[in-house]
Amino acid sequence: MLLLVAMQGYICVVFLLPLYYLMDATIIIIKRSVKGEKIWQAHQQQFFHRSVHIIKRSHVKTTMLVIYCNIILICLALLSTIIAPIISLILGIIITSIFLKIMISNKFV
């Protein structure tokens, strides 16, 4: 489906919709690579797992954070089809970064 969207010229939409998951995975892969860990082995370092197991936030609250982030990304994806696709993508990266930071912060339990 995203491939069809990309073929229509909406490249920013293709990156915005899965941005939370792309950023989570990319950050973890980079961190594990820098530490010399085997990135193909199982682990629980994703932001969701850290939020639930280390911060002790409930699954429901953590899932709601992911849902809120995805709702904002959907809105930005829709906005990017009308005006300013690059600005929407930049905002998506900033907002997703904030949500990931919130997920591993115990200030917002």
N, C-alpha and C. Protein backbone atom coordinates (compact mmCIF):
# COMPACT_ATOMS: atom_id res chain seq x y z
N MET A 1 0.82 -1.19 0.00
CA MET A 1 0.00 0.00 0.00
C MET A 1 0.86 1.26 0.00
N LEU A 2 1.89 1.29 0.84
CA LEU A 2 2.77 2.46 0.86
C LEU A 2 3.50 2.62 -0.46
N LEU A 3 3.78 1.53 -1.13
CA LEU A 3 4.42 1.60 -2.43
C LEU A 3 3.52 2.31 -3.44
N LEU A 4 2.22 2.03 -3.39
CA LEU A 4 1.28 2.71 -4.28
C LEU A 4 1.21 4.20 -3.98
N VAL A 5 1.24 4.53 -2.70
CA VAL A 5 1.24 5.94 -2.29
C VAL A 5 2.50 6.63 -2.80
N ALA A 6 3.64 5.97 -2.68
CA ALA A 6 4.90 6.53 -3.17
C ALA A 6 4.87 6.73 -4.67
N MET A 7 4.26 5.80 -5.38
CA MET A 7 4.17 5.90 -6.84
C MET A 7 3.29 7.08 -7.27
N GLN A 8 2.42 7.52 -6.39
CA GLN A 8 1.60 8.70 -6.67
C GLN A 8 2.35 9.99 -6.37
N GLY A 9 3.57 9.87 -5.82
CA GLY A 9 4.38 11.06 -5.56
C GLY A 9 4.33 11.56 -4.13
N TYR A 10 3.67 10.84 -3.25
CA TYR A 10 3.55 11.27 -1.86
C TYR A 10 4.62 10.60 -0.99
N ILE A 11 5.87 10.94 -1.25
CA ILE A 11 6.99 10.30 -0.55
C ILE A 11 6.97 10.60 0.95
N CYS A 12 6.63 11.83 1.32
CA CYS A 12 6.60 12.18 2.75
C CYS A 12 5.56 11.36 3.51
N VAL A 13 4.44 11.07 2.86
CA VAL A 13 3.40 10.24 3.49
C VAL A 13 3.97 8.86 3.80
N VAL A 14 4.76 8.34 2.86
CA VAL A 14 5.34 7.00 3.02
C VAL A 14 6.26 6.95 4.25
N PHE A 15 6.93 8.04 4.54
CA PHE A 15 7.80 8.07 5.72
C PHE A 15 7.04 8.45 6.99
N LEU A 16 6.03 9.30 6.87
CA LEU A 16 5.31 9.77 8.06
C LEU A 16 4.46 8.67 8.71
N LEU A 17 3.76 7.89 7.92
CA LEU A 17 2.85 6.91 8.51
C LEU A 17 3.54 5.88 9.41
N PRO A 18 4.67 5.30 9.01
CA PRO A 18 5.35 4.35 9.91
C PRO A 18 6.50 4.99 10.70
N LEU A 19 6.52 6.32 10.82
CA LEU A 19 7.68 7.01 11.39
C LEU A 19 8.01 6.58 12.82
N TYR A 20 7.00 6.39 13.66
CA TYR A 20 7.27 5.96 15.04
C TYR A 20 8.09 4.67 15.04
N TYR A 21 7.66 3.70 14.24
CA TYR A 21 8.32 2.39 14.21
C TYR A 21 9.70 2.48 13.53
N LEU A 22 9.79 3.29 12.50
CA LEU A 22 11.09 3.48 11.83
C LEU A 22 12.11 4.11 12.77
N MET A 23 11.69 5.14 13.50
CA MET A 23 12.62 5.80 14.41
C MET A 23 13.01 4.90 15.58
N ASP A 24 12.04 4.21 16.14
CA ASP A 24 12.31 3.29 17.25
C ASP A 24 13.33 2.24 16.82
N ALA A 25 13.07 1.58 15.71
CA ALA A 25 13.96 0.51 15.24
C ALA A 25 15.34 1.06 14.86
N THR A 26 15.37 2.19 14.17
CA THR A 26 16.65 2.75 13.72
C THR A 26 17.51 3.17 14.90
N ILE A 27 16.91 3.83 15.87
CA ILE A 27 17.67 4.26 17.06
C ILE A 27 18.24 3.06 17.79
N ILE A 28 17.44 2.02 17.97
CA ILE A 28 17.89 0.82 18.69
C ILE A 28 18.99 0.11 17.91
N ILE A 29 18.84 -0.01 16.59
CA ILE A 29 19.87 -0.67 15.79
C ILE A 29 21.18 0.09 15.86
N ILE A 30 21.12 1.40 15.78
CA ILE A 30 22.35 2.20 15.87
C ILE A 30 22.99 2.05 17.25
N LYS A 31 22.18 2.14 18.30
CA LYS A 31 22.72 1.99 19.67
C LYS A 31 23.38 0.62 19.86
N ARG A 32 22.70 -0.43 19.40
CA ARG A 32 23.25 -1.78 19.57
C ARG A 32 24.50 -1.98 18.73
N SER A 33 24.54 -1.40 17.54
CA SER A 33 25.72 -1.51 16.68
C SER A 33 26.92 -0.81 17.31
N VAL A 34 26.67 0.37 17.86
CA VAL A 34 27.76 1.12 18.51
C VAL A 34 28.31 0.35 19.71
N LYS A 35 27.44 -0.33 20.45
CA LYS A 35 27.86 -1.12 21.61
C LYS A 35 28.49 -2.45 21.21
N GLY A 36 28.44 -2.79 19.92
CA GLY A 36 29.01 -4.05 19.47
C GLY A 36 28.10 -5.25 19.68
N GLU A 37 26.82 -5.01 19.96
CA GLU A 37 25.87 -6.10 20.16
C GLU A 37 25.43 -6.66 18.81
N LYS A 38 24.99 -7.90 18.82
CA LYS A 38 24.46 -8.52 17.61
C LYS A 38 23.03 -8.03 17.42
N ILE A 39 22.83 -7.24 16.37
CA ILE A 39 21.51 -6.62 16.19
C ILE A 39 20.43 -7.60 15.78
N TRP A 40 20.81 -8.78 15.34
CA TRP A 40 19.82 -9.77 14.90
C TRP A 40 19.33 -10.65 16.05
N GLN A 41 19.93 -10.52 17.21
CA GLN A 41 19.49 -11.32 18.35
C GLN A 41 18.34 -10.62 19.09
N ALA A 42 17.50 -11.42 19.71
CA ALA A 42 16.34 -10.89 20.42
C ALA A 42 16.79 -9.99 21.59
N HIS A 43 15.96 -9.02 21.86
CA HIS A 43 16.25 -8.07 22.95
C HIS A 43 14.95 -7.39 23.35
N GLN A 44 15.00 -6.62 24.40
CA GLN A 44 13.83 -5.84 24.82
C GLN A 44 14.25 -4.40 25.06
N GLN A 45 14.89 -3.81 24.07
CA GLN A 45 15.38 -2.45 24.22
C GLN A 45 14.52 -1.41 23.51
N GLN A 46 13.48 -1.86 22.80
CA GLN A 46 12.62 -0.89 22.15
C GLN A 46 12.00 0.04 23.19
N PHE A 47 11.59 1.21 22.72
CA PHE A 47 11.04 2.21 23.63
C PHE A 47 9.80 1.69 24.35
N PHE A 48 8.96 0.93 23.66
CA PHE A 48 7.76 0.38 24.30
C PHE A 48 8.15 -0.53 25.47
N HIS A 49 9.10 -1.44 25.24
CA HIS A 49 9.53 -2.35 26.31
C HIS A 49 10.16 -1.60 27.46
N ARG A 50 10.97 -0.61 27.15
CA ARG A 50 11.61 0.17 28.21
C ARG A 50 10.56 0.92 29.03
N SER A 51 9.54 1.45 28.36
CA SER A 51 8.47 2.17 29.05
C SER A 51 7.73 1.26 30.03
N VAL A 52 7.46 0.04 29.59
CA VAL A 52 6.69 -0.89 30.42
C VAL A 52 7.55 -1.56 31.48
N HIS A 53 8.74 -2.03 31.12
CA HIS A 53 9.55 -2.83 32.04
C HIS A 53 10.48 -2.01 32.93
N ILE A 54 11.00 -0.91 32.44
CA ILE A 54 11.93 -0.12 33.25
C ILE A 54 11.21 1.02 33.96
N ILE A 55 10.41 1.78 33.23
CA ILE A 55 9.68 2.90 33.81
C ILE A 55 8.48 2.42 34.61
N LYS A 56 8.01 1.21 34.31
CA LYS A 56 6.86 0.60 35.00
C LYS A 56 5.54 1.31 34.65
N ARG A 57 5.46 1.84 33.43
CA ARG A 57 4.21 2.42 32.94
C ARG A 57 3.33 1.25 32.48
N SER A 58 2.04 1.37 32.63
CA SER A 58 1.16 0.28 32.24
C SER A 58 1.17 0.10 30.72
N HIS A 59 0.80 -1.12 30.30
CA HIS A 59 0.71 -1.39 28.87
C HIS A 59 -0.30 -0.45 28.20
N VAL A 60 -1.38 -0.19 28.89
CA VAL A 60 -2.44 0.65 28.33
C VAL A 60 -1.92 2.08 28.11
N LYS A 61 -1.25 2.65 29.11
CA LYS A 61 -0.73 4.01 28.98
C LYS A 61 0.34 4.08 27.88
N THR A 62 1.19 3.08 27.82
CA THR A 62 2.24 3.06 26.81
C THR A 62 1.63 2.93 25.41
N THR A 63 0.65 2.05 25.28
CA THR A 63 -0.03 1.88 24.00
C THR A 63 -0.74 3.17 23.59
N MET A 64 -1.33 3.85 24.56
CA MET A 64 -2.01 5.11 24.25
C MET A 64 -1.01 6.16 23.74
N LEU A 65 0.19 6.19 24.30
CA LEU A 65 1.21 7.11 23.79
C LEU A 65 1.53 6.82 22.33
N VAL A 66 1.67 5.55 22.00
CA VAL A 66 1.94 5.17 20.61
C VAL A 66 0.77 5.56 19.71
N ILE A 67 -0.43 5.34 20.18
CA ILE A 67 -1.63 5.70 19.41
C ILE A 67 -1.69 7.21 19.19
N TYR A 68 -1.45 7.99 20.24
CA TYR A 68 -1.47 9.45 20.10
C TYR A 68 -0.42 9.91 19.08
N CYS A 69 0.75 9.34 19.17
CA CYS A 69 1.82 9.69 18.23
C CYS A 69 1.38 9.36 16.80
N ASN A 70 0.81 8.18 16.61
CA ASN A 70 0.37 7.77 15.28
C ASN A 70 -0.78 8.64 14.75
N ILE A 71 -1.67 9.08 15.61
CA ILE A 71 -2.75 9.98 15.18
C ILE A 71 -2.16 11.29 14.67
N ILE A 72 -1.19 11.82 15.39
CA ILE A 72 -0.54 13.06 14.96
C ILE A 72 0.18 12.83 13.62
N LEU A 73 0.84 11.68 13.48
CA LEU A 73 1.54 11.39 12.23
C LEU A 73 0.56 11.25 11.07
N ILE A 74 -0.59 10.67 11.32
CA ILE A 74 -1.61 10.57 10.27
C ILE A 74 -2.07 11.96 9.84
N CYS A 75 -2.30 12.83 10.81
CA CYS A 75 -2.70 14.21 10.50
C CYS A 75 -1.62 14.92 9.70
N LEU A 76 -0.36 14.74 10.09
CA LEU A 76 0.74 15.35 9.35
C LEU A 76 0.86 14.77 7.94
N ALA A 77 0.60 13.48 7.80
CA ALA A 77 0.63 12.86 6.47
C ALA A 77 -0.45 13.46 5.58
N LEU A 78 -1.64 13.64 6.12
CA LEU A 78 -2.72 14.27 5.35
C LEU A 78 -2.35 15.71 5.00
N LEU A 79 -1.80 16.43 5.95
CA LEU A 79 -1.37 17.81 5.72
C LEU A 79 -0.30 17.88 4.63
N SER A 80 0.58 16.89 4.62
CA SER A 80 1.68 16.91 3.65
C SER A 80 1.20 16.73 2.22
N THR A 81 0.00 16.19 2.05
CA THR A 81 -0.53 16.04 0.69
C THR A 81 -1.12 17.36 0.17
N ILE A 82 -1.39 18.28 1.08
CA ILE A 82 -1.99 19.56 0.71
C ILE A 82 -0.93 20.65 0.60
N ILE A 83 -0.17 20.81 1.66
CA ILE A 83 0.87 21.84 1.69
C ILE A 83 2.10 21.34 2.43
N ALA A 84 3.23 21.87 2.11
CA ALA A 84 4.49 21.72 2.85
C ALA A 84 4.84 20.30 3.27
N PRO A 85 5.09 19.38 2.33
CA PRO A 85 5.43 18.01 2.72
C PRO A 85 6.71 17.92 3.55
N ILE A 86 7.71 18.70 3.22
CA ILE A 86 8.98 18.62 3.97
C ILE A 86 8.79 19.14 5.40
N ILE A 87 8.04 20.21 5.55
CA ILE A 87 7.78 20.75 6.89
C ILE A 87 7.00 19.72 7.72
N SER A 88 6.04 19.05 7.09
CA SER A 88 5.28 18.01 7.79
C SER A 88 6.20 16.88 8.24
N LEU A 89 7.13 16.49 7.38
CA LEU A 89 8.07 15.42 7.74
C LEU A 89 8.97 15.85 8.89
N ILE A 90 9.48 17.06 8.83
CA ILE A 90 10.33 17.57 9.91
C ILE A 90 9.55 17.62 11.23
N LEU A 91 8.32 18.12 11.16
CA LEU A 91 7.47 18.15 12.37
C LEU A 91 7.23 16.74 12.89
N GLY A 92 7.02 15.79 11.98
CA GLY A 92 6.82 14.40 12.38
C GLY A 92 8.01 13.84 13.12
N ILE A 93 9.20 14.14 12.62
CA ILE A 93 10.43 13.67 13.27
C ILE A 93 10.56 14.29 14.66
N ILE A 94 10.30 15.58 14.77
CA ILE A 94 10.40 16.26 16.07
C ILE A 94 9.37 15.70 17.05
N ILE A 95 8.13 15.58 16.61
CA ILE A 95 7.06 15.09 17.49
C ILE A 95 7.30 13.64 17.90
N THR A 96 7.74 12.82 16.97
CA THR A 96 8.04 11.42 17.31
C THR A 96 9.19 11.34 18.30
N SER A 97 10.19 12.17 18.13
CA SER A 97 11.31 12.22 19.08
C SER A 97 10.82 12.57 20.48
N ILE A 98 9.91 13.52 20.55
CA ILE A 98 9.34 13.91 21.85
C ILE A 98 8.58 12.75 22.48
N PHE A 99 7.76 12.06 21.69
CA PHE A 99 7.02 10.91 22.21
C PHE A 99 7.97 9.80 22.68
N LEU A 100 9.03 9.54 21.92
CA LEU A 100 10.00 8.51 22.33
C LEU A 100 10.67 8.92 23.63
N LYS A 101 11.00 10.18 23.78
CA LYS A 101 11.61 10.68 25.02
C LYS A 101 10.64 10.54 26.20
N ILE A 102 9.38 10.86 25.95
CA ILE A 102 8.36 10.72 27.00
C ILE A 102 8.24 9.25 27.43
N MET A 103 8.31 8.35 26.46
CA MET A 103 8.14 6.92 26.77
C MET A 103 9.20 6.39 27.73
N ILE A 104 10.41 6.94 27.68
CA ILE A 104 11.46 6.45 28.56
C ILE A 104 11.72 7.40 29.73
N SER A 105 10.81 8.34 29.92
CA SER A 105 10.95 9.29 31.03
C SER A 105 9.93 8.92 32.11
N ASN A 106 10.37 8.93 33.33
CA ASN A 106 9.44 8.60 34.42
C ASN A 106 8.69 9.83 34.93
N LYS A 107 8.88 10.98 34.29
CA LYS A 107 8.17 12.18 34.68
C LYS A 107 6.70 12.14 34.28
N PHE A 108 6.40 11.33 33.26
CA PHE A 108 5.06 11.28 32.73
C PHE A 108 4.39 9.93 32.95
N VAL A 109 4.64 9.32 34.10
CA VAL A 109 4.07 8.03 34.41
C VAL A 109 2.62 8.21 34.73
